[in-house]
Amino acid sequence: MFVRDRMTPSPVTITPKTPFQDALKTMQEHGFRRLPVVDDTGKLIGIVAERDLLYASPSPATSLSIWELNYLLSKLKIERLMTKNVVTTTPDALIEDAACLMVEHKIGALPVVDQDNHVVGIITETDIFKSFVNVYRGDRSGLRLTLKVPDRKGVLAELSQAIFDMDGDIVSISSFYNEKTDDYGLVIKVKGIGKDQLIDKIEALGDQVIDAREVEYPVCL
């Protein structure tokens, strides 16, 4: 899965000269939490987050009048509030690489740029969460099993063959490494096989069933 598969294309952008109040209004009207800042050619030069604007908002304890506040805020431009050193990604980047960038830099979104640094999209933590749900096929019901498996070749092939022999259908499958326990595991969702029957077959292969449950189609997607 690539960034282009999950990003929002052609996102709303603003310029460095956009007034503070206009940027905040745009965020509130559309439910955005971040806006890329571009120059006259559409090239990325910064990003501003909702928290940047809220921090710049006056305190209720201020002694200024409402007219004075409005005047000062009308003069405040985004160029004074935006972050200039922006972490970005590209449409062809892997979704997991984008997620790693967000974790590494502790940010909630990445502008997506082309080779000329023009903004072509934006990908957020919500998009990453949706990708995570998609990998586990959260849109499909089935029997979901979490397995502890040996770290050796052929484990996945043996499991797939066993499910095939039982006339089952693999809906999704993914692997993970548990750093705390130094264990390898699989999460697999299948249809067409009874729970007890499948557990017996899996454990006969030497895999350990940590969890097994029937899951129904959720509403989050």
N, C-alpha and C. Protein backbone atom coordinates (compact mmCIF):
# COMPACT_ATOMS: atom_id res chain seq x y z
N MET A 1 0.84 -1.19 0.00
CA MET A 1 0.00 0.00 0.00
C MET A 1 0.89 1.25 0.00
N PHE A 2 0.52 2.19 -0.84
CA PHE A 2 1.31 3.41 -1.00
C PHE A 2 0.58 4.62 -0.42
N VAL A 3 1.35 5.68 -0.20
CA VAL A 3 0.77 6.92 0.32
C VAL A 3 -0.34 7.41 -0.60
N ARG A 4 -0.15 7.30 -1.90
CA ARG A 4 -1.16 7.78 -2.85
C ARG A 4 -2.51 7.09 -2.68
N ASP A 5 -2.50 5.87 -2.12
CA ASP A 5 -3.74 5.13 -1.93
C ASP A 5 -4.57 5.65 -0.77
N ARG A 6 -3.94 6.38 0.15
CA ARG A 6 -4.62 6.82 1.36
C ARG A 6 -4.65 8.33 1.57
N MET A 7 -3.85 9.05 0.83
CA MET A 7 -3.77 10.50 1.04
C MET A 7 -5.03 11.20 0.54
N THR A 8 -5.25 12.42 1.04
CA THR A 8 -6.28 13.30 0.49
C THR A 8 -5.63 14.11 -0.62
N PRO A 9 -6.06 13.93 -1.87
CA PRO A 9 -5.42 14.66 -2.97
C PRO A 9 -5.87 16.12 -3.02
N SER A 10 -5.04 16.96 -3.61
CA SER A 10 -5.36 18.38 -3.80
C SER A 10 -5.93 19.01 -2.54
N PRO A 11 -5.19 19.00 -1.45
CA PRO A 11 -5.70 19.55 -0.19
C PRO A 11 -5.83 21.07 -0.25
N VAL A 12 -6.64 21.60 0.65
CA VAL A 12 -6.76 23.06 0.79
C VAL A 12 -5.44 23.60 1.31
N THR A 13 -4.95 24.65 0.68
CA THR A 13 -3.70 25.27 1.10
C THR A 13 -3.91 26.76 1.35
N ILE A 14 -2.95 27.36 2.01
CA ILE A 14 -2.97 28.80 2.23
C ILE A 14 -1.61 29.37 1.88
N THR A 15 -1.49 30.68 1.90
CA THR A 15 -0.22 31.34 1.59
C THR A 15 0.35 32.00 2.84
N PRO A 16 1.58 32.40 2.80
CA PRO A 16 2.18 33.06 3.97
C PRO A 16 1.45 34.34 4.36
N LYS A 17 0.81 34.98 3.39
CA LYS A 17 0.14 36.25 3.65
C LYS A 17 -1.32 36.07 4.08
N THR A 18 -1.77 34.83 4.19
CA THR A 18 -3.13 34.59 4.66
C THR A 18 -3.29 35.10 6.09
N PRO A 19 -4.31 35.91 6.35
CA PRO A 19 -4.51 36.40 7.73
C PRO A 19 -4.82 35.26 8.70
N PHE A 20 -4.40 35.43 9.90
CA PHE A 20 -4.65 34.46 10.97
C PHE A 20 -6.13 34.08 11.04
N GLN A 21 -7.02 35.07 11.01
CA GLN A 21 -8.44 34.81 11.16
C GLN A 21 -9.00 33.98 10.01
N ASP A 22 -8.52 34.21 8.79
CA ASP A 22 -8.98 33.45 7.63
C ASP A 22 -8.55 31.98 7.73
N ALA A 23 -7.32 31.77 8.18
CA ALA A 23 -6.83 30.40 8.31
C ALA A 23 -7.62 29.64 9.37
N LEU A 24 -7.86 30.28 10.49
CA LEU A 24 -8.62 29.65 11.56
C LEU A 24 -10.05 29.35 11.12
N LYS A 25 -10.66 30.26 10.38
CA LYS A 25 -12.01 30.06 9.88
C LYS A 25 -12.07 28.87 8.92
N THR A 26 -11.06 28.76 8.05
CA THR A 26 -10.99 27.64 7.10
C THR A 26 -10.91 26.32 7.84
N MET A 27 -10.07 26.26 8.87
CA MET A 27 -9.94 25.03 9.65
C MET A 27 -11.25 24.67 10.33
N GLN A 28 -11.91 25.63 10.92
CA GLN A 28 -13.13 25.37 11.67
C GLN A 28 -14.28 24.96 10.74
N GLU A 29 -14.36 25.58 9.57
CA GLU A 29 -15.44 25.28 8.65
C GLU A 29 -15.31 23.89 8.04
N HIS A 30 -14.08 23.47 7.79
CA HIS A 30 -13.86 22.18 7.11
C HIS A 30 -13.43 21.07 8.06
N GLY A 31 -13.20 21.39 9.31
CA GLY A 31 -12.77 20.37 10.26
C GLY A 31 -11.31 19.96 10.09
N PHE A 32 -10.50 20.85 9.51
CA PHE A 32 -9.08 20.57 9.34
C PHE A 32 -8.32 20.88 10.63
N ARG A 33 -7.19 20.20 10.82
CA ARG A 33 -6.31 20.52 11.94
C ARG A 33 -4.95 21.03 11.46
N ARG A 34 -4.73 20.97 10.15
CA ARG A 34 -3.46 21.44 9.59
C ARG A 34 -3.72 21.98 8.19
N LEU A 35 -2.93 22.97 7.80
CA LEU A 35 -3.01 23.52 6.45
C LEU A 35 -1.60 23.71 5.89
N PRO A 36 -1.30 23.12 4.73
CA PRO A 36 -0.01 23.38 4.09
C PRO A 36 0.05 24.83 3.62
N VAL A 37 1.23 25.41 3.71
CA VAL A 37 1.44 26.78 3.26
C VAL A 37 2.29 26.73 1.99
N VAL A 38 1.81 27.37 0.93
CA VAL A 38 2.51 27.30 -0.35
C VAL A 38 2.80 28.71 -0.88
N ASP A 39 3.77 28.77 -1.79
CA ASP A 39 4.07 30.05 -2.42
C ASP A 39 3.18 30.24 -3.64
N ASP A 40 3.46 31.25 -4.44
CA ASP A 40 2.62 31.57 -5.59
C ASP A 40 2.63 30.48 -6.66
N THR A 41 3.63 29.62 -6.65
CA THR A 41 3.72 28.55 -7.65
C THR A 41 3.18 27.22 -7.14
N GLY A 42 2.70 27.21 -5.89
CA GLY A 42 2.17 25.98 -5.32
C GLY A 42 3.20 25.12 -4.62
N LYS A 43 4.42 25.63 -4.47
CA LYS A 43 5.46 24.86 -3.78
C LYS A 43 5.32 25.01 -2.27
N LEU A 44 5.56 23.93 -1.58
CA LEU A 44 5.43 23.91 -0.13
C LEU A 44 6.53 24.74 0.53
N ILE A 45 6.15 25.62 1.43
CA ILE A 45 7.13 26.41 2.18
C ILE A 45 6.88 26.35 3.69
N GLY A 46 5.78 25.71 4.10
CA GLY A 46 5.51 25.62 5.53
C GLY A 46 4.23 24.87 5.80
N ILE A 47 3.90 24.74 7.06
CA ILE A 47 2.64 24.13 7.48
C ILE A 47 2.22 24.79 8.79
N VAL A 48 0.94 24.95 8.97
CA VAL A 48 0.42 25.53 10.20
C VAL A 48 -0.63 24.59 10.77
N ALA A 49 -0.55 24.37 12.06
CA ALA A 49 -1.48 23.48 12.74
C ALA A 49 -2.49 24.30 13.55
N GLU A 50 -3.59 23.67 13.85
CA GLU A 50 -4.64 24.34 14.63
C GLU A 50 -4.10 24.83 15.97
N ARG A 51 -3.23 24.04 16.58
CA ARG A 51 -2.68 24.45 17.88
C ARG A 51 -1.84 25.71 17.76
N ASP A 52 -1.18 25.90 16.60
CA ASP A 52 -0.40 27.12 16.40
C ASP A 52 -1.30 28.34 16.43
N LEU A 53 -2.47 28.21 15.83
CA LEU A 53 -3.41 29.33 15.79
C LEU A 53 -4.06 29.56 17.15
N LEU A 54 -4.33 28.46 17.84
CA LEU A 54 -4.96 28.61 19.16
C LEU A 54 -3.99 29.23 20.16
N TYR A 55 -2.71 28.86 20.05
CA TYR A 55 -1.71 29.47 20.92
C TYR A 55 -1.58 30.96 20.66
N ALA A 56 -1.81 31.35 19.41
CA ALA A 56 -1.69 32.76 19.05
C ALA A 56 -2.94 33.56 19.42
N SER A 57 -4.02 32.86 19.74
CA SER A 57 -5.26 33.55 20.10
C SER A 57 -5.09 34.27 21.43
N PRO A 58 -5.74 35.39 21.60
CA PRO A 58 -5.59 36.16 22.85
C PRO A 58 -6.23 35.45 24.04
N SER A 59 -5.68 35.67 25.19
CA SER A 59 -6.22 35.13 26.42
C SER A 59 -7.50 35.87 26.81
N PRO A 60 -8.47 35.18 27.42
CA PRO A 60 -9.68 35.86 27.90
C PRO A 60 -9.36 36.95 28.93
N ALA A 61 -8.17 36.85 29.52
CA ALA A 61 -7.80 37.81 30.57
C ALA A 61 -7.17 39.08 30.00
N THR A 62 -7.07 39.16 28.69
CA THR A 62 -6.44 40.34 28.10
C THR A 62 -7.23 41.61 28.41
N SER A 63 -6.51 42.70 28.50
CA SER A 63 -7.15 43.99 28.81
C SER A 63 -7.53 44.76 27.54
N LEU A 64 -7.22 44.20 26.39
CA LEU A 64 -7.54 44.86 25.13
C LEU A 64 -9.03 44.76 24.83
N SER A 65 -9.55 45.76 24.16
CA SER A 65 -10.95 45.73 23.75
C SER A 65 -11.13 44.82 22.55
N ILE A 66 -12.37 44.46 22.25
CA ILE A 66 -12.66 43.59 21.12
C ILE A 66 -12.22 44.22 19.81
N TRP A 67 -12.30 45.53 19.71
CA TRP A 67 -11.88 46.22 18.48
C TRP A 67 -10.36 46.17 18.33
N GLU A 68 -9.69 46.37 19.44
CA GLU A 68 -8.23 46.30 19.40
C GLU A 68 -7.75 44.90 19.04
N LEU A 69 -8.43 43.88 19.61
CA LEU A 69 -8.07 42.50 19.32
C LEU A 69 -8.27 42.18 17.85
N ASN A 70 -9.43 42.56 17.33
CA ASN A 70 -9.72 42.28 15.92
C ASN A 70 -8.72 42.96 15.00
N TYR A 71 -8.32 44.16 15.36
CA TYR A 71 -7.37 44.89 14.54
C TYR A 71 -6.01 44.17 14.55
N LEU A 72 -5.56 43.78 15.72
CA LEU A 72 -4.26 43.12 15.84
C LEU A 72 -4.26 41.77 15.12
N LEU A 73 -5.35 41.01 15.27
CA LEU A 73 -5.43 39.70 14.62
C LEU A 73 -5.50 39.83 13.11
N SER A 74 -6.13 40.90 12.62
CA SER A 74 -6.22 41.10 11.17
C SER A 74 -4.85 41.37 10.56
N LYS A 75 -3.92 41.84 11.38
CA LYS A 75 -2.58 42.14 10.91
C LYS A 75 -1.63 40.93 11.03
N LEU A 76 -2.08 39.93 11.76
CA LEU A 76 -1.24 38.76 11.99
C LEU A 76 -1.33 37.80 10.80
N LYS A 77 -0.20 37.53 10.16
CA LYS A 77 -0.16 36.67 8.99
C LYS A 77 0.40 35.29 9.34
N ILE A 78 0.05 34.32 8.51
CA ILE A 78 0.46 32.94 8.74
C ILE A 78 1.97 32.78 8.70
N GLU A 79 2.67 33.61 7.96
CA GLU A 79 4.12 33.49 7.87
C GLU A 79 4.80 33.62 9.23
N ARG A 80 4.13 34.25 10.19
CA ARG A 80 4.70 34.41 11.52
C ARG A 80 4.40 33.21 12.43
N LEU A 81 3.49 32.35 11.99
CA LEU A 81 3.05 31.23 12.83
C LEU A 81 3.43 29.86 12.28
N MET A 82 3.70 29.80 10.99
CA MET A 82 3.89 28.50 10.34
C MET A 82 5.24 27.87 10.71
N THR A 83 5.28 26.54 10.60
CA THR A 83 6.51 25.79 10.73
C THR A 83 7.16 25.70 9.35
N LYS A 84 8.41 26.09 9.25
CA LYS A 84 9.06 26.18 7.94
C LYS A 84 9.77 24.89 7.54
N ASN A 85 10.37 24.20 8.50
CA ASN A 85 11.06 22.95 8.19
C ASN A 85 10.06 21.80 8.23
N VAL A 86 9.43 21.55 7.10
CA VAL A 86 8.32 20.59 7.05
C VAL A 86 8.80 19.20 6.67
N VAL A 87 8.36 18.21 7.43
CA VAL A 87 8.62 16.81 7.08
C VAL A 87 7.57 16.39 6.06
N THR A 88 8.02 15.85 4.93
CA THR A 88 7.10 15.52 3.85
C THR A 88 7.27 14.07 3.42
N THR A 89 6.38 13.65 2.54
CA THR A 89 6.49 12.34 1.90
C THR A 89 6.07 12.49 0.45
N THR A 90 6.11 11.40 -0.28
CA THR A 90 5.76 11.43 -1.70
C THR A 90 4.64 10.43 -1.98
N PRO A 91 3.96 10.57 -3.10
CA PRO A 91 2.85 9.65 -3.41
C PRO A 91 3.29 8.19 -3.50
N ASP A 92 4.52 7.95 -3.94
CA ASP A 92 5.00 6.58 -4.13
C ASP A 92 5.64 5.98 -2.88
N ALA A 93 5.68 6.73 -1.80
CA ALA A 93 6.25 6.20 -0.56
C ALA A 93 5.35 5.11 0.01
N LEU A 94 5.95 4.17 0.71
CA LEU A 94 5.18 3.11 1.36
C LEU A 94 4.44 3.68 2.56
N ILE A 95 3.25 3.16 2.80
CA ILE A 95 2.43 3.69 3.88
C ILE A 95 3.11 3.51 5.23
N GLU A 96 3.86 2.41 5.39
CA GLU A 96 4.53 2.18 6.67
C GLU A 96 5.69 3.16 6.86
N ASP A 97 6.32 3.59 5.77
CA ASP A 97 7.38 4.58 5.88
C ASP A 97 6.82 5.93 6.31
N ALA A 98 5.65 6.28 5.79
CA ALA A 98 4.99 7.52 6.21
C ALA A 98 4.63 7.45 7.69
N ALA A 99 4.15 6.30 8.12
CA ALA A 99 3.79 6.12 9.53
C ALA A 99 5.03 6.26 10.42
N CYS A 100 6.15 5.69 9.98
CA CYS A 100 7.39 5.79 10.76
C CYS A 100 7.86 7.23 10.88
N LEU A 101 7.70 8.01 9.81
CA LEU A 101 8.07 9.43 9.86
C LEU A 101 7.24 10.17 10.90
N MET A 102 5.94 9.86 10.94
CA MET A 102 5.07 10.52 11.91
C MET A 102 5.46 10.15 13.34
N VAL A 103 5.78 8.88 13.55
CA VAL A 103 6.19 8.44 14.89
C VAL A 103 7.51 9.07 15.27
N GLU A 104 8.46 9.06 14.34
CA GLU A 104 9.81 9.58 14.62
C GLU A 104 9.78 11.07 14.96
N HIS A 105 8.97 11.83 14.24
CA HIS A 105 8.94 13.28 14.43
C HIS A 105 7.78 13.74 15.31
N LYS A 106 6.98 12.80 15.78
CA LYS A 106 5.86 13.09 16.67
C LYS A 106 4.91 14.13 16.05
N ILE A 107 4.49 13.84 14.82
CA ILE A 107 3.58 14.73 14.10
C ILE A 107 2.37 13.94 13.63
N GLY A 108 1.30 14.65 13.33
CA GLY A 108 0.05 13.97 12.98
C GLY A 108 -0.30 14.00 11.52
N ALA A 109 0.56 14.59 10.68
CA ALA A 109 0.25 14.65 9.25
C ALA A 109 1.52 14.93 8.46
N LEU A 110 1.48 14.54 7.19
CA LEU A 110 2.58 14.79 6.27
C LEU A 110 2.04 15.37 4.97
N PRO A 111 2.51 16.53 4.56
CA PRO A 111 2.18 16.99 3.21
C PRO A 111 2.82 16.03 2.20
N VAL A 112 2.11 15.77 1.13
CA VAL A 112 2.62 14.89 0.07
C VAL A 112 3.02 15.79 -1.10
N VAL A 113 4.27 15.68 -1.52
CA VAL A 113 4.78 16.57 -2.55
C VAL A 113 5.33 15.76 -3.73
N ASP A 114 5.35 16.41 -4.91
CA ASP A 114 5.95 15.78 -6.08
C ASP A 114 7.43 16.12 -6.13
N GLN A 115 8.09 15.76 -7.21
CA GLN A 115 9.54 15.95 -7.30
C GLN A 115 9.95 17.41 -7.33
N ASP A 116 8.99 18.30 -7.64
CA ASP A 116 9.29 19.72 -7.66
C ASP A 116 8.81 20.44 -6.39
N ASN A 117 8.42 19.65 -5.39
CA ASN A 117 7.97 20.17 -4.09
C ASN A 117 6.61 20.87 -4.17
N HIS A 118 5.83 20.54 -5.19
CA HIS A 118 4.45 21.02 -5.24
C HIS A 118 3.57 20.11 -4.39
N VAL A 119 2.64 20.69 -3.66
CA VAL A 119 1.76 19.91 -2.79
C VAL A 119 0.71 19.20 -3.64
N VAL A 120 0.67 17.88 -3.55
CA VAL A 120 -0.30 17.09 -4.31
C VAL A 120 -1.27 16.35 -3.39
N GLY A 121 -1.00 16.39 -2.09
CA GLY A 121 -1.88 15.69 -1.16
C GLY A 121 -1.44 15.90 0.27
N ILE A 122 -2.18 15.29 1.17
CA ILE A 122 -1.79 15.28 2.59
C ILE A 122 -2.28 13.97 3.19
N ILE A 123 -1.46 13.38 4.04
CA ILE A 123 -1.84 12.14 4.71
C ILE A 123 -1.74 12.36 6.21
N THR A 124 -2.77 11.94 6.93
CA THR A 124 -2.86 12.20 8.36
C THR A 124 -2.84 10.91 9.16
N GLU A 125 -2.76 11.05 10.47
CA GLU A 125 -2.78 9.88 11.35
C GLU A 125 -4.08 9.10 11.19
N THR A 126 -5.17 9.78 10.90
CA THR A 126 -6.44 9.09 10.67
C THR A 126 -6.35 8.20 9.45
N ASP A 127 -5.69 8.67 8.40
CA ASP A 127 -5.49 7.85 7.20
C ASP A 127 -4.66 6.61 7.52
N ILE A 128 -3.66 6.78 8.39
CA ILE A 128 -2.83 5.65 8.78
C ILE A 128 -3.66 4.64 9.58
N PHE A 129 -4.51 5.12 10.47
CA PHE A 129 -5.37 4.23 11.25
C PHE A 129 -6.29 3.44 10.34
N LYS A 130 -6.85 4.11 9.33
CA LYS A 130 -7.74 3.44 8.38
C LYS A 130 -6.97 2.37 7.58
N SER A 131 -5.71 2.66 7.27
CA SER A 131 -4.88 1.69 6.57
C SER A 131 -4.65 0.46 7.44
N PHE A 132 -4.43 0.70 8.72
CA PHE A 132 -4.23 -0.39 9.68
C PHE A 132 -5.46 -1.29 9.73
N VAL A 133 -6.63 -0.67 9.79
CA VAL A 133 -7.88 -1.44 9.81
C VAL A 133 -8.04 -2.21 8.50
N ASN A 134 -7.64 -1.58 7.40
CA ASN A 134 -7.76 -2.21 6.09
C ASN A 134 -6.87 -3.45 5.98
N VAL A 135 -5.64 -3.36 6.53
CA VAL A 135 -4.72 -4.49 6.49
C VAL A 135 -5.33 -5.71 7.18
N TYR A 136 -6.03 -5.45 8.27
CA TYR A 136 -6.67 -6.54 9.01
C TYR A 136 -8.06 -6.86 8.48
N ARG A 137 -8.43 -6.25 7.36
CA ARG A 137 -9.73 -6.42 6.72
C ARG A 137 -10.86 -6.24 7.73
N GLY A 138 -10.86 -5.08 8.32
CA GLY A 138 -11.91 -4.74 9.27
C GLY A 138 -13.28 -4.63 8.64
N ASP A 139 -13.33 -4.66 7.31
CA ASP A 139 -14.62 -4.58 6.61
C ASP A 139 -15.23 -5.95 6.36
N ARG A 140 -14.56 -7.01 6.83
CA ARG A 140 -15.05 -8.38 6.59
C ARG A 140 -15.22 -9.12 7.91
N SER A 141 -16.31 -9.85 8.00
CA SER A 141 -16.53 -10.71 9.15
C SER A 141 -15.71 -11.98 8.99
N GLY A 142 -15.52 -12.70 10.09
CA GLY A 142 -14.79 -13.96 10.02
C GLY A 142 -14.27 -14.40 11.36
N LEU A 143 -13.56 -15.51 11.36
CA LEU A 143 -12.92 -16.03 12.56
C LEU A 143 -11.51 -15.46 12.62
N ARG A 144 -11.23 -14.64 13.62
CA ARG A 144 -9.93 -13.97 13.74
C ARG A 144 -9.10 -14.66 14.80
N LEU A 145 -7.89 -15.07 14.42
CA LEU A 145 -7.00 -15.77 15.33
C LEU A 145 -5.67 -15.04 15.46
N THR A 146 -5.17 -14.96 16.68
CA THR A 146 -3.84 -14.45 16.95
C THR A 146 -2.98 -15.64 17.35
N LEU A 147 -1.87 -15.84 16.64
CA LEU A 147 -1.07 -17.03 16.84
C LEU A 147 0.36 -16.67 17.22
N LYS A 148 0.93 -17.47 18.10
CA LYS A 148 2.36 -17.43 18.38
C LYS A 148 2.99 -18.54 17.57
N VAL A 149 3.96 -18.19 16.71
CA VAL A 149 4.50 -19.19 15.79
C VAL A 149 6.01 -19.29 15.93
N PRO A 150 6.59 -20.43 15.58
CA PRO A 150 8.05 -20.58 15.63
C PRO A 150 8.71 -19.68 14.58
N ASP A 151 9.92 -19.24 14.87
CA ASP A 151 10.67 -18.42 13.93
C ASP A 151 11.47 -19.34 13.00
N ARG A 152 10.78 -19.89 12.02
CA ARG A 152 11.42 -20.79 11.06
C ARG A 152 10.72 -20.69 9.72
N LYS A 153 11.38 -21.18 8.71
CA LYS A 153 10.82 -21.15 7.37
C LYS A 153 9.66 -22.12 7.25
N GLY A 154 8.70 -21.77 6.42
CA GLY A 154 7.61 -22.68 6.09
C GLY A 154 6.39 -22.60 6.98
N VAL A 155 6.44 -21.80 8.04
CA VAL A 155 5.31 -21.71 8.97
C VAL A 155 4.05 -21.23 8.25
N LEU A 156 4.18 -20.15 7.51
CA LEU A 156 3.03 -19.58 6.82
C LEU A 156 2.51 -20.53 5.74
N ALA A 157 3.43 -21.21 5.03
CA ALA A 157 3.03 -22.15 3.99
C ALA A 157 2.24 -23.31 4.59
N GLU A 158 2.69 -23.81 5.73
CA GLU A 158 2.00 -24.93 6.38
C GLU A 158 0.61 -24.51 6.83
N LEU A 159 0.51 -23.32 7.40
CA LEU A 159 -0.78 -22.83 7.88
C LEU A 159 -1.75 -22.63 6.71
N SER A 160 -1.27 -22.01 5.65
CA SER A 160 -2.12 -21.78 4.48
C SER A 160 -2.60 -23.10 3.87
N GLN A 161 -1.70 -24.07 3.79
CA GLN A 161 -2.08 -25.37 3.23
C GLN A 161 -3.12 -26.07 4.10
N ALA A 162 -2.95 -25.95 5.42
CA ALA A 162 -3.91 -26.59 6.33
C ALA A 162 -5.30 -25.98 6.16
N ILE A 163 -5.38 -24.67 6.04
CA ILE A 163 -6.67 -24.00 5.85
C ILE A 163 -7.27 -24.38 4.50
N PHE A 164 -6.42 -24.46 3.48
CA PHE A 164 -6.89 -24.87 2.15
C PHE A 164 -7.44 -26.29 2.19
N ASP A 165 -6.75 -27.19 2.87
CA ASP A 165 -7.19 -28.59 2.96
C ASP A 165 -8.52 -28.71 3.69
N MET A 166 -8.82 -27.76 4.58
CA MET A 166 -10.08 -27.78 5.32
C MET A 166 -11.17 -26.99 4.58
N ASP A 167 -10.87 -26.59 3.35
CA ASP A 167 -11.82 -25.85 2.51
C ASP A 167 -12.18 -24.50 3.12
N GLY A 168 -11.19 -23.88 3.78
CA GLY A 168 -11.42 -22.56 4.36
C GLY A 168 -10.95 -21.46 3.42
N ASP A 169 -11.36 -20.25 3.73
CA ASP A 169 -11.02 -19.08 2.92
C ASP A 169 -10.26 -18.08 3.80
N ILE A 170 -9.03 -17.73 3.41
CA ILE A 170 -8.24 -16.75 4.15
C ILE A 170 -8.68 -15.35 3.74
N VAL A 171 -9.23 -14.60 4.69
CA VAL A 171 -9.69 -13.24 4.43
C VAL A 171 -8.53 -12.25 4.53
N SER A 172 -7.68 -12.43 5.55
CA SER A 172 -6.51 -11.56 5.72
C SER A 172 -5.49 -12.30 6.56
N ILE A 173 -4.23 -11.86 6.41
CA ILE A 173 -3.16 -12.44 7.21
C ILE A 173 -2.03 -11.42 7.32
N SER A 174 -1.47 -11.30 8.51
CA SER A 174 -0.36 -10.38 8.73
C SER A 174 0.51 -10.93 9.85
N SER A 175 1.76 -10.47 9.87
CA SER A 175 2.70 -10.95 10.87
C SER A 175 3.11 -9.82 11.80
N PHE A 176 3.63 -10.17 12.96
CA PHE A 176 4.10 -9.16 13.91
C PHE A 176 5.21 -9.75 14.77
N TYR A 177 6.00 -8.85 15.35
CA TYR A 177 7.04 -9.25 16.29
C TYR A 177 6.80 -8.54 17.60
N ASN A 178 6.71 -9.29 18.68
CA ASN A 178 6.48 -8.74 20.00
C ASN A 178 7.83 -8.54 20.70
N GLU A 179 8.27 -7.27 20.78
CA GLU A 179 9.58 -6.98 21.37
C GLU A 179 9.64 -7.34 22.85
N LYS A 180 8.51 -7.24 23.54
CA LYS A 180 8.49 -7.50 24.98
C LYS A 180 8.76 -8.96 25.29
N THR A 181 8.19 -9.85 24.47
CA THR A 181 8.32 -11.28 24.72
C THR A 181 9.27 -11.98 23.75
N ASP A 182 9.78 -11.21 22.76
CA ASP A 182 10.68 -11.76 21.74
C ASP A 182 10.00 -12.91 20.99
N ASP A 183 8.72 -12.74 20.70
CA ASP A 183 7.95 -13.76 20.00
C ASP A 183 7.51 -13.26 18.63
N TYR A 184 7.35 -14.19 17.72
CA TYR A 184 6.79 -13.90 16.41
C TYR A 184 5.35 -14.41 16.37
N GLY A 185 4.53 -13.72 15.62
CA GLY A 185 3.14 -14.14 15.58
C GLY A 185 2.46 -13.81 14.27
N LEU A 186 1.26 -14.33 14.12
CA LEU A 186 0.44 -14.08 12.95
C LEU A 186 -0.96 -13.71 13.41
N VAL A 187 -1.58 -12.83 12.67
CA VAL A 187 -3.00 -12.55 12.87
C VAL A 187 -3.67 -12.94 11.57
N ILE A 188 -4.62 -13.85 11.66
CA ILE A 188 -5.25 -14.38 10.47
C ILE A 188 -6.76 -14.37 10.64
N LYS A 189 -7.46 -14.02 9.59
CA LYS A 189 -8.92 -14.06 9.60
C LYS A 189 -9.38 -15.00 8.50
N VAL A 190 -10.23 -15.94 8.87
CA VAL A 190 -10.68 -16.96 7.91
C VAL A 190 -12.20 -17.08 7.94
N LYS A 191 -12.73 -17.69 6.89
CA LYS A 191 -14.15 -18.00 6.81
C LYS A 191 -14.30 -19.44 6.34
N GLY A 192 -15.42 -20.05 6.71
CA GLY A 192 -15.74 -21.38 6.20
C GLY A 192 -15.23 -22.53 7.04
N ILE A 193 -14.65 -22.26 8.23
CA ILE A 193 -14.15 -23.31 9.10
C ILE A 193 -14.64 -23.07 10.52
N GLY A 194 -15.01 -24.12 11.21
CA GLY A 194 -15.43 -24.01 12.59
C GLY A 194 -14.26 -23.66 13.50
N LYS A 195 -14.55 -22.92 14.56
CA LYS A 195 -13.51 -22.44 15.47
C LYS A 195 -12.71 -23.57 16.10
N ASP A 196 -13.39 -24.53 16.73
CA ASP A 196 -12.68 -25.61 17.43
C ASP A 196 -11.90 -26.48 16.46
N GLN A 197 -12.48 -26.73 15.30
CA GLN A 197 -11.82 -27.55 14.29
C GLN A 197 -10.51 -26.91 13.83
N LEU A 198 -10.54 -25.60 13.61
CA LEU A 198 -9.35 -24.91 13.13
C LEU A 198 -8.29 -24.82 14.22
N ILE A 199 -8.70 -24.55 15.45
CA ILE A 199 -7.73 -24.46 16.55
C ILE A 199 -6.98 -25.78 16.72
N ASP A 200 -7.71 -26.89 16.67
CA ASP A 200 -7.07 -28.20 16.81
C ASP A 200 -6.04 -28.42 15.71
N LYS A 201 -6.40 -28.03 14.48
CA LYS A 201 -5.49 -28.23 13.35
C LYS A 201 -4.25 -27.35 13.48
N ILE A 202 -4.44 -26.11 13.89
CA ILE A 202 -3.31 -25.18 14.02
C ILE A 202 -2.34 -25.63 15.11
N GLU A 203 -2.87 -26.03 16.25
CA GLU A 203 -2.01 -26.43 17.35
C GLU A 203 -1.31 -27.75 17.04
N ALA A 204 -1.89 -28.55 16.18
CA ALA A 204 -1.23 -29.78 15.75
C ALA A 204 0.00 -29.48 14.90
N LEU A 205 0.01 -28.29 14.29
CA LEU A 205 1.16 -27.88 13.49
C LEU A 205 2.30 -27.34 14.35
N GLY A 206 2.02 -27.10 15.63
CA GLY A 206 3.03 -26.57 16.53
C GLY A 206 2.87 -25.09 16.83
N ASP A 207 1.83 -24.47 16.27
CA ASP A 207 1.55 -23.07 16.54
C ASP A 207 0.67 -22.96 17.79
N GLN A 208 0.79 -21.85 18.50
CA GLN A 208 0.01 -21.63 19.71
C GLN A 208 -1.07 -20.57 19.44
N VAL A 209 -2.32 -20.93 19.71
CA VAL A 209 -3.43 -20.01 19.53
C VAL A 209 -3.56 -19.14 20.78
N ILE A 210 -3.26 -17.86 20.64
CA ILE A 210 -3.36 -16.94 21.77
C ILE A 210 -4.78 -16.44 21.94
N ASP A 211 -5.45 -16.22 20.83
CA ASP A 211 -6.82 -15.69 20.88
C ASP A 211 -7.55 -16.14 19.62
N ALA A 212 -8.83 -16.45 19.78
CA ALA A 212 -9.68 -16.82 18.65
C ALA A 212 -11.08 -16.30 18.92
N ARG A 213 -11.61 -15.54 17.98
CA ARG A 213 -12.94 -14.97 18.17
C ARG A 213 -13.61 -14.68 16.83
N GLU A 214 -14.92 -14.80 16.82
CA GLU A 214 -15.70 -14.40 15.66
C GLU A 214 -15.88 -12.89 15.69
N VAL A 215 -15.56 -12.22 14.59
CA VAL A 215 -15.72 -10.78 14.53
C VAL A 215 -16.70 -10.44 13.42
N GLU A 216 -17.52 -9.44 13.69
CA GLU A 216 -18.52 -9.02 12.73
C GLU A 216 -18.06 -7.74 12.04
N TYR A 217 -18.68 -7.46 10.93
CA TYR A 217 -18.37 -6.28 10.15
C TYR A 217 -18.60 -5.04 11.01
N PRO A 218 -17.55 -4.21 11.25
CA PRO A 218 -17.71 -3.02 12.08
C PRO A 218 -18.25 -1.84 11.27
N VAL A 219 -18.54 -0.77 11.93
CA VAL A 219 -19.10 0.40 11.27
C VAL A 219 -18.04 1.48 11.04
N CYS A 220 -16.79 1.26 11.50
CA CYS A 220 -15.78 2.30 11.44
C CYS A 220 -15.33 2.60 10.02
N LEU A 221 -15.55 1.69 9.09
CA LEU A 221 -15.16 1.93 7.71
C LEU A 221 -16.35 2.38 6.87
